[in-house]
Amino acid sequence: MTVEYNLTEAARMLGISASALKQGVDAGHLRCYYRLGKNDYQFHEASLLTNQELLARKEWTRFQGAPAASMA
């Protein structure tokens, strides 16, 4: 079974604000998510790991309100 998270839950797990996560998604900087509507996104566990790696890269630090949370 795949566990899925909404935008707010995913942002919390990544250690950033929901608005920063939405900004990164809308700008095309983050990936591996499902867009269910204009402002409705779903993320699964594997996508959180991929997006965490993208956030850890120096060029994405503007989307971080704090260092990315550990997924361990």
PDB file of N, CA and C in Angstrom:
ATOM      1  N   MET A   1       0.833  -1.178   0.000  1.00  0.00           N
ATOM      2  CA  MET A   1       0.000   0.000   0.000  1.00  0.00           C
ATOM      3  C   MET A   1       0.883   1.249   0.000  1.00  0.00           C
ATOM      4  N   THR A   2       0.543   2.205  -0.821  1.00  0.00           N
ATOM      5  CA  THR A   2       1.283   3.451  -0.908  1.00  0.00           C
ATOM      6  C   THR A   2       0.687   4.471   0.052  1.00  0.00           C
ATOM      7  N   VAL A   3       1.563   5.096   0.834  1.00  0.00           N
ATOM      8  CA  VAL A   3       1.129   6.155   1.739  1.00  0.00           C
ATOM      9  C   VAL A   3       1.259   7.475   1.003  1.00  0.00           C
ATOM     10  N   GLU A   4       0.206   8.274   1.042  1.00  0.00           N
ATOM     11  CA  GLU A   4       0.224   9.565   0.355  1.00  0.00           C
ATOM     12  C   GLU A   4      -0.006  10.693   1.345  1.00  0.00           C
ATOM     13  N   TYR A   5       0.540  11.854   1.018  1.00  0.00           N
ATOM     14  CA  TYR A   5       0.454  13.027   1.874  1.00  0.00           C
ATOM     15  C   TYR A   5      -0.028  14.214   1.060  1.00  0.00           C
ATOM     16  N   ASN A   6      -0.825  15.082   1.669  1.00  0.00           N
ATOM     17  CA  ASN A   6      -1.227  16.295   0.973  1.00  0.00           C
ATOM     18  C   ASN A   6      -0.089  17.319   1.064  1.00  0.00           C
ATOM     19  N   LEU A   7      -0.278  18.468   0.472  1.00  0.00           N
ATOM     20  CA  LEU A   7       0.760  19.493   0.406  1.00  0.00           C
ATOM     21  C   LEU A   7       1.239  19.906   1.792  1.00  0.00           C
ATOM     22  N   THR A   8       0.323  20.121   2.703  1.00  0.00           N
ATOM     23  CA  THR A   8       0.682  20.557   4.055  1.00  0.00           C
ATOM     24  C   THR A   8       1.474  19.488   4.791  1.00  0.00           C
ATOM     25  N   GLU A   9       1.028  18.242   4.705  1.00  0.00           N
ATOM     26  CA  GLU A   9       1.729  17.141   5.365  1.00  0.00           C
ATOM     27  C   GLU A   9       3.114  16.937   4.767  1.00  0.00           C
ATOM     28  N   ALA A  10       3.208  16.979   3.450  1.00  0.00           N
ATOM     29  CA  ALA A  10       4.498  16.792   2.782  1.00  0.00           C
ATOM     30  C   ALA A  10       5.462  17.907   3.162  1.00  0.00           C
ATOM     31  N   ALA A  11       4.983  19.133   3.192  1.00  0.00           N
ATOM     32  CA  ALA A  11       5.836  20.268   3.566  1.00  0.00           C
ATOM     33  C   ALA A  11       6.365  20.093   4.983  1.00  0.00           C
ATOM     34  N   ARG A  12       5.506  19.683   5.893  1.00  0.00           N
ATOM     35  CA  ARG A  12       5.918  19.462   7.279  1.00  0.00           C
ATOM     36  C   ARG A  12       7.023  18.411   7.339  1.00  0.00           C
ATOM     37  N   MET A  13       6.873  17.331   6.590  1.00  0.00           N
ATOM     38  CA  MET A  13       7.869  16.260   6.592  1.00  0.00           C
ATOM     39  C   MET A  13       9.184  16.707   5.962  1.00  0.00           C
ATOM     40  N   LEU A  14       9.112  17.642   5.017  1.00  0.00           N
ATOM     41  CA  LEU A  14      10.316  18.160   4.368  1.00  0.00           C
ATOM     42  C   LEU A  14      10.950  19.306   5.153  1.00  0.00           C
ATOM     43  N   GLY A  15      10.272  19.790   6.172  1.00  0.00           N
ATOM     44  CA  GLY A  15      10.817  20.856   6.999  1.00  0.00           C
ATOM     45  C   GLY A  15      10.731  22.233   6.367  1.00  0.00           C
ATOM     46  N   ILE A  16       9.743  22.432   5.486  1.00  0.00           N
ATOM     47  CA  ILE A  16       9.540  23.733   4.848  1.00  0.00           C
ATOM     48  C   ILE A  16       8.068  24.108   4.968  1.00  0.00           C
ATOM     49  N   SER A  17       7.749  25.334   4.641  1.00  0.00           N
ATOM     50  CA  SER A  17       6.347  25.753   4.690  1.00  0.00           C
ATOM     51  C   SER A  17       5.589  25.191   3.485  1.00  0.00           C
ATOM     52  N   ALA A  18       4.291  25.071   3.638  1.00  0.00           N
ATOM     53  CA  ALA A  18       3.454  24.604   2.529  1.00  0.00           C
ATOM     54  C   ALA A  18       3.536  25.569   1.353  1.00  0.00           C
ATOM     55  N   SER A  19       3.621  26.862   1.632  1.00  0.00           N
ATOM     56  CA  SER A  19       3.713  27.837   0.534  1.00  0.00           C
ATOM     57  C   SER A  19       5.034  27.700  -0.216  1.00  0.00           C
ATOM     58  N   ALA A  20       6.127  27.401   0.495  1.00  0.00           N
ATOM     59  CA  ALA A  20       7.413  27.192  -0.172  1.00  0.00           C
ATOM     60  C   ALA A  20       7.378  25.931  -1.028  1.00  0.00           C
ATOM     61  N   LEU A  21       6.737  24.877  -0.536  1.00  0.00           N
ATOM     62  CA  LEU A  21       6.619  23.644  -1.315  1.00  0.00           C
ATOM     63  C   LEU A  21       5.782  23.888  -2.563  1.00  0.00           C
ATOM     64  N   LYS A  22       4.669  24.583  -2.411  1.00  0.00           N
ATOM     65  CA  LYS A  22       3.826  24.890  -3.570  1.00  0.00           C
ATOM     66  C   LYS A  22       4.585  25.747  -4.574  1.00  0.00           C
ATOM     67  N   GLN A  23       5.352  26.710  -4.092  1.00  0.00           N
ATOM     68  CA  GLN A  23       6.146  27.563  -4.984  1.00  0.00           C
ATOM     69  C   GLN A  23       7.149  26.718  -5.768  1.00  0.00           C
ATOM     70  N   GLY A  24       7.820  25.798  -5.096  1.00  0.00           N
ATOM     71  CA  GLY A  24       8.779  24.925  -5.769  1.00  0.00           C
ATOM     72  C   GLY A  24       8.135  24.023  -6.799  1.00  0.00           C
ATOM     73  N   VAL A  25       6.954  23.501  -6.476  1.00  0.00           N
ATOM     74  CA  VAL A  25       6.214  22.650  -7.415  1.00  0.00           C
ATOM     75  C   VAL A  25       5.745  23.468  -8.615  1.00  0.00           C
ATOM     76  N   ASP A  26       5.122  24.618  -8.337  1.00  0.00           N
ATOM     77  CA  ASP A  26       4.595  25.457  -9.419  1.00  0.00           C
ATOM     78  C   ASP A  26       5.693  25.953 -10.352  1.00  0.00           C
ATOM     79  N   ALA A  27       6.887  26.182  -9.802  1.00  0.00           N
ATOM     80  CA  ALA A  27       8.008  26.663 -10.611  1.00  0.00           C
ATOM     81  C   ALA A  27       8.692  25.526 -11.368  1.00  0.00           C
ATOM     82  N   GLY A  28       8.292  24.282 -11.085  1.00  0.00           N
ATOM     83  CA  GLY A  28       8.884  23.139 -11.769  1.00  0.00           C
ATOM     84  C   GLY A  28      10.200  22.679 -11.179  1.00  0.00           C
ATOM     85  N   HIS A  29      10.539  23.176  -9.983  1.00  0.00           N
ATOM     86  CA  HIS A  29      11.805  22.806  -9.360  1.00  0.00           C
ATOM     87  C   HIS A  29      11.720  21.484  -8.605  1.00  0.00           C
ATOM     88  N   LEU A  30      10.531  21.116  -8.190  1.00  0.00           N
ATOM     89  CA  LEU A  30      10.330  19.853  -7.490  1.00  0.00           C
ATOM     90  C   LEU A  30       9.478  18.958  -8.368  1.00  0.00           C
ATOM     91  N   ARG A  31       9.557  17.663  -8.135  1.00  0.00           N
ATOM     92  CA  ARG A  31       8.824  16.742  -8.994  1.00  0.00           C
ATOM     93  C   ARG A  31       8.345  15.543  -8.186  1.00  0.00           C
ATOM     94  N   CYS A  32       7.812  14.586  -8.883  1.00  0.00           N
ATOM     95  CA  CYS A  32       7.313  13.353  -8.266  1.00  0.00           C
ATOM     96  C   CYS A  32       6.141  13.634  -7.334  1.00  0.00           C
ATOM     97  N   TYR A  33       5.097  14.164  -7.883  1.00  0.00           N
ATOM     98  CA  TYR A  33       3.874  14.430  -7.144  1.00  0.00           C
ATOM     99  C   TYR A  33       2.703  14.264  -8.103  1.00  0.00           C
ATOM    100  N   TYR A  34       1.531  14.191  -7.545  1.00  0.00           N
ATOM    101  CA  TYR A  34       0.312  14.127  -8.348  1.00  0.00           C
ATOM    102  C   TYR A  34      -0.419  15.450  -8.199  1.00  0.00           C
ATOM    103  N   ARG A  35      -0.825  16.022  -9.286  1.00  0.00           N
ATOM    104  CA  ARG A  35      -1.633  17.239  -9.235  1.00  0.00           C
ATOM    105  C   ARG A  35      -3.086  16.819  -9.407  1.00  0.00           C
ATOM    106  N   LEU A  36      -3.877  17.041  -8.378  1.00  0.00           N
ATOM    107  CA  LEU A  36      -5.271  16.620  -8.388  1.00  0.00           C
ATOM    108  C   LEU A  36      -6.219  17.747  -8.754  1.00  0.00           C
ATOM    109  N   GLY A  37      -5.746  18.955  -8.700  1.00  0.00           N
ATOM    110  CA  GLY A  37      -6.546  20.135  -9.008  1.00  0.00           C
ATOM    111  C   GLY A  37      -5.627  21.336  -9.060  1.00  0.00           C
ATOM    112  N   LYS A  38      -6.209  22.510  -9.228  1.00  0.00           N
ATOM    113  CA  LYS A  38      -5.402  23.720  -9.367  1.00  0.00           C
ATOM    114  C   LYS A  38      -4.428  23.899  -8.202  1.00  0.00           C
ATOM    115  N   ASN A  39      -4.877  23.696  -6.989  1.00  0.00           N
ATOM    116  CA  ASN A  39      -4.030  23.875  -5.811  1.00  0.00           C
ATOM    117  C   ASN A  39      -4.015  22.638  -4.927  1.00  0.00           C
ATOM    118  N   ASP A  40      -4.231  21.485  -5.517  1.00  0.00           N
ATOM    119  CA  ASP A  40      -4.326  20.241  -4.756  1.00  0.00           C
ATOM    120  C   ASP A  40      -3.274  19.257  -5.252  1.00  0.00           C
ATOM    121  N   TYR A  41      -2.345  18.894  -4.375  1.00  0.00           N
ATOM    122  CA  TYR A  41      -1.248  18.002  -4.728  1.00  0.00           C
ATOM    123  C   TYR A  41      -1.200  16.845  -3.743  1.00  0.00           C
ATOM    124  N   GLN A  42      -0.748  15.695  -4.209  1.00  0.00           N
ATOM    125  CA  GLN A  42      -0.510  14.532  -3.370  1.00  0.00           C
ATOM    126  C   GLN A  42       0.922  14.083  -3.594  1.00  0.00           C
ATOM    127  N   PHE A  43       1.582  13.707  -2.525  1.00  0.00           N
ATOM    128  CA  PHE A  43       2.951  13.213  -2.573  1.00  0.00           C
ATOM    129  C   PHE A  43       2.968  11.836  -1.927  1.00  0.00           C
ATOM    130  N   HIS A  44       3.740  10.912  -2.477  1.00  0.00           N
ATOM    131  CA  HIS A  44       3.895   9.611  -1.842  1.00  0.00           C
ATOM    132  C   HIS A  44       5.287   9.548  -1.225  1.00  0.00           C
ATOM    133  N   GLU A  45       5.542   8.516  -0.434  1.00  0.00           N
ATOM    134  CA  GLU A  45       6.796   8.448   0.321  1.00  0.00           C
ATOM    135  C   GLU A  45       8.033   8.561  -0.562  1.00  0.00           C
ATOM    136  N   ALA A  46       8.057   7.863  -1.682  1.00  0.00           N
ATOM    137  CA  ALA A  46       9.225   7.931  -2.570  1.00  0.00           C
ATOM    138  C   ALA A  46       9.418   9.342  -3.114  1.00  0.00           C
ATOM    139  N   SER A  47       8.337  10.042  -3.386  1.00  0.00           N
ATOM    140  CA  SER A  47       8.470  11.403  -3.905  1.00  0.00           C
ATOM    141  C   SER A  47       9.034  12.334  -2.843  1.00  0.00           C
ATOM    142  N   LEU A  48       8.731  12.076  -1.580  1.00  0.00           N
ATOM    143  CA  LEU A  48       9.300  12.902  -0.516  1.00  0.00           C
ATOM    144  C   LEU A  48      10.812  12.757  -0.477  1.00  0.00           C
ATOM    145  N   LEU A  49      11.304  11.548  -0.654  1.00  0.00           N
ATOM    146  CA  LEU A  49      12.754  11.329  -0.667  1.00  0.00           C
ATOM    147  C   LEU A  49      13.406  12.043  -1.842  1.00  0.00           C
ATOM    148  N   THR A  50      12.808  11.946  -3.016  1.00  0.00           N
ATOM    149  CA  THR A  50      13.341  12.622  -4.203  1.00  0.00           C
ATOM    150  C   THR A  50      13.335  14.129  -4.009  1.00  0.00           C
ATOM    151  N   ASN A  51      12.229  14.664  -3.528  1.00  0.00           N
ATOM    152  CA  ASN A  51      12.134  16.106  -3.334  1.00  0.00           C
ATOM    153  C   ASN A  51      13.047  16.586  -2.212  1.00  0.00           C
ATOM    154  N   GLN A  52      13.266  15.753  -1.204  1.00  0.00           N
ATOM    155  CA  GLN A  52      14.200  16.106  -0.135  1.00  0.00           C
ATOM    156  C   GLN A  52      15.606  16.263  -0.711  1.00  0.00           C
ATOM    157  N   GLU A  53      15.989  15.366  -1.619  1.00  0.00           N
ATOM    158  CA  GLU A  53      17.302  15.467  -2.260  1.00  0.00           C
ATOM    159  C   GLU A  53      17.406  16.748  -3.083  1.00  0.00           C
ATOM    160  N   LEU A  54      16.352  17.113  -3.787  1.00  0.00           N
ATOM    161  CA  LEU A  54      16.359  18.354  -4.563  1.00  0.00           C
ATOM    162  C   LEU A  54      16.481  19.570  -3.651  1.00  0.00           C
ATOM    163  N   LEU A  55      15.779  19.554  -2.528  1.00  0.00           N
ATOM    164  CA  LEU A  55      15.847  20.674  -1.593  1.00  0.00           C
ATOM    165  C   LEU A  55      17.223  20.799  -0.957  1.00  0.00           C
ATOM    166  N   ALA A  56      17.929  19.673  -0.812  1.00  0.00           N
ATOM    167  CA  ALA A  56      19.249  19.695  -0.195  1.00  0.00           C
ATOM    168  C   ALA A  56      20.300  20.321  -1.104  1.00  0.00           C
ATOM    169  N   ARG A  57      20.029  20.376  -2.399  1.00  0.00           N
ATOM    170  CA  ARG A  57      20.972  20.985  -3.333  1.00  0.00           C
ATOM    171  C   ARG A  57      21.021  22.483  -3.118  1.00  0.00           C
ATOM    172  N   LYS A  58      22.183  23.043  -3.266  1.00  0.00           N
ATOM    173  CA  LYS A  58      22.392  24.463  -2.991  1.00  0.00           C
ATOM    174  C   LYS A  58      21.439  25.362  -3.775  1.00  0.00           C
ATOM    175  N   GLU A  59      21.187  25.036  -5.033  1.00  0.00           N
ATOM    176  CA  GLU A  59      20.354  25.915  -5.854  1.00  0.00           C
ATOM    177  C   GLU A  59      18.892  25.951  -5.414  1.00  0.00           C
ATOM    178  N   TRP A  60      18.464  25.025  -4.566  1.00  0.00           N
ATOM    179  CA  TRP A  60      17.070  25.023  -4.125  1.00  0.00           C
ATOM    180  C   TRP A  60      16.910  25.609  -2.731  1.00  0.00           C
ATOM    181  N   THR A  61      17.970  26.111  -2.127  1.00  0.00           N
ATOM    182  CA  THR A  61      17.876  26.578  -0.745  1.00  0.00           C
ATOM    183  C   THR A  61      16.905  27.727  -0.570  1.00  0.00           C
ATOM    184  N   ARG A  62      16.591  28.450  -1.622  1.00  0.00           N
ATOM    185  CA  ARG A  62      15.628  29.548  -1.480  1.00  0.00           C
ATOM    186  C   ARG A  62      14.232  29.042  -1.145  1.00  0.00           C
ATOM    187  N   PHE A  63      13.960  27.756  -1.377  1.00  0.00           N
ATOM    188  CA  PHE A  63      12.654  27.195  -1.057  1.00  0.00           C
ATOM    189  C   PHE A  63      12.614  26.624   0.356  1.00  0.00           C
ATOM    190  N   GLN A  64      13.736  26.633   1.028  1.00  0.00           N
ATOM    191  CA  GLN A  64      13.788  26.064   2.362  1.00  0.00           C
ATOM    192  C   GLN A  64      13.600  27.140   3.419  1.00  0.00           C
ATOM    193  N   GLY A  65      12.672  26.913   4.316  1.00  0.00           N
ATOM    194  CA  GLY A  65      12.541  27.781   5.469  1.00  0.00           C
ATOM    195  C   GLY A  65      13.491  27.325   6.558  1.00  0.00           C
ATOM    196  N   ALA A  66      13.862  26.063   6.492  1.00  0.00           N
ATOM    197  CA  ALA A  66      14.779  25.436   7.435  1.00  0.00           C
ATOM    198  C   ALA A  66      15.392  24.252   6.710  1.00  0.00           C
ATOM    199  N   PRO A  67      16.464  23.685   7.245  1.00  0.00           N
ATOM    200  CA  PRO A  67      17.047  22.503   6.592  1.00  0.00           C
ATOM    201  C   PRO A  67      16.009  21.400   6.438  1.00  0.00           C
ATOM    202  N   ALA A  68      16.100  20.664   5.351  1.00  0.00           N
ATOM    203  CA  ALA A  68      15.153  19.579   5.087  1.00  0.00           C
ATOM    204  C   ALA A  68      15.191  18.574   6.224  1.00  0.00           C
ATOM    205  N   ALA A  69      14.034  18.134   6.635  1.00  0.00           N
ATOM    206  CA  ALA A  69      13.922  17.177   7.728  1.00  0.00           C
ATOM    207  C   ALA A  69      14.451  15.823   7.290  1.00  0.00           C
ATOM    208  N   SER A  70      14.968  15.086   8.232  1.00  0.00           N
ATOM    209  CA  SER A  70      15.461  13.745   7.952  1.00  0.00           C
ATOM    210  C   SER A  70      14.288  12.816   7.698  1.00  0.00           C
ATOM    211  N   MET A  71      14.408  11.982   6.686  1.00  0.00           N
ATOM    212  CA  MET A  71      13.349  11.027   6.366  1.00  0.00           C
ATOM    213  C   MET A  71      13.601   9.684   7.036  1.00  0.00           C
ATOM    214  N   ALA A  72      14.639   9.589   7.862  1.00  0.00           N
ATOM    215  CA  ALA A  72      14.977   8.320   8.516  1.00  0.00           C
ATOM    216  C   ALA A  72      13.983   7.980   9.596  1.00  0.00           C
TER     217      ALA A  72
END
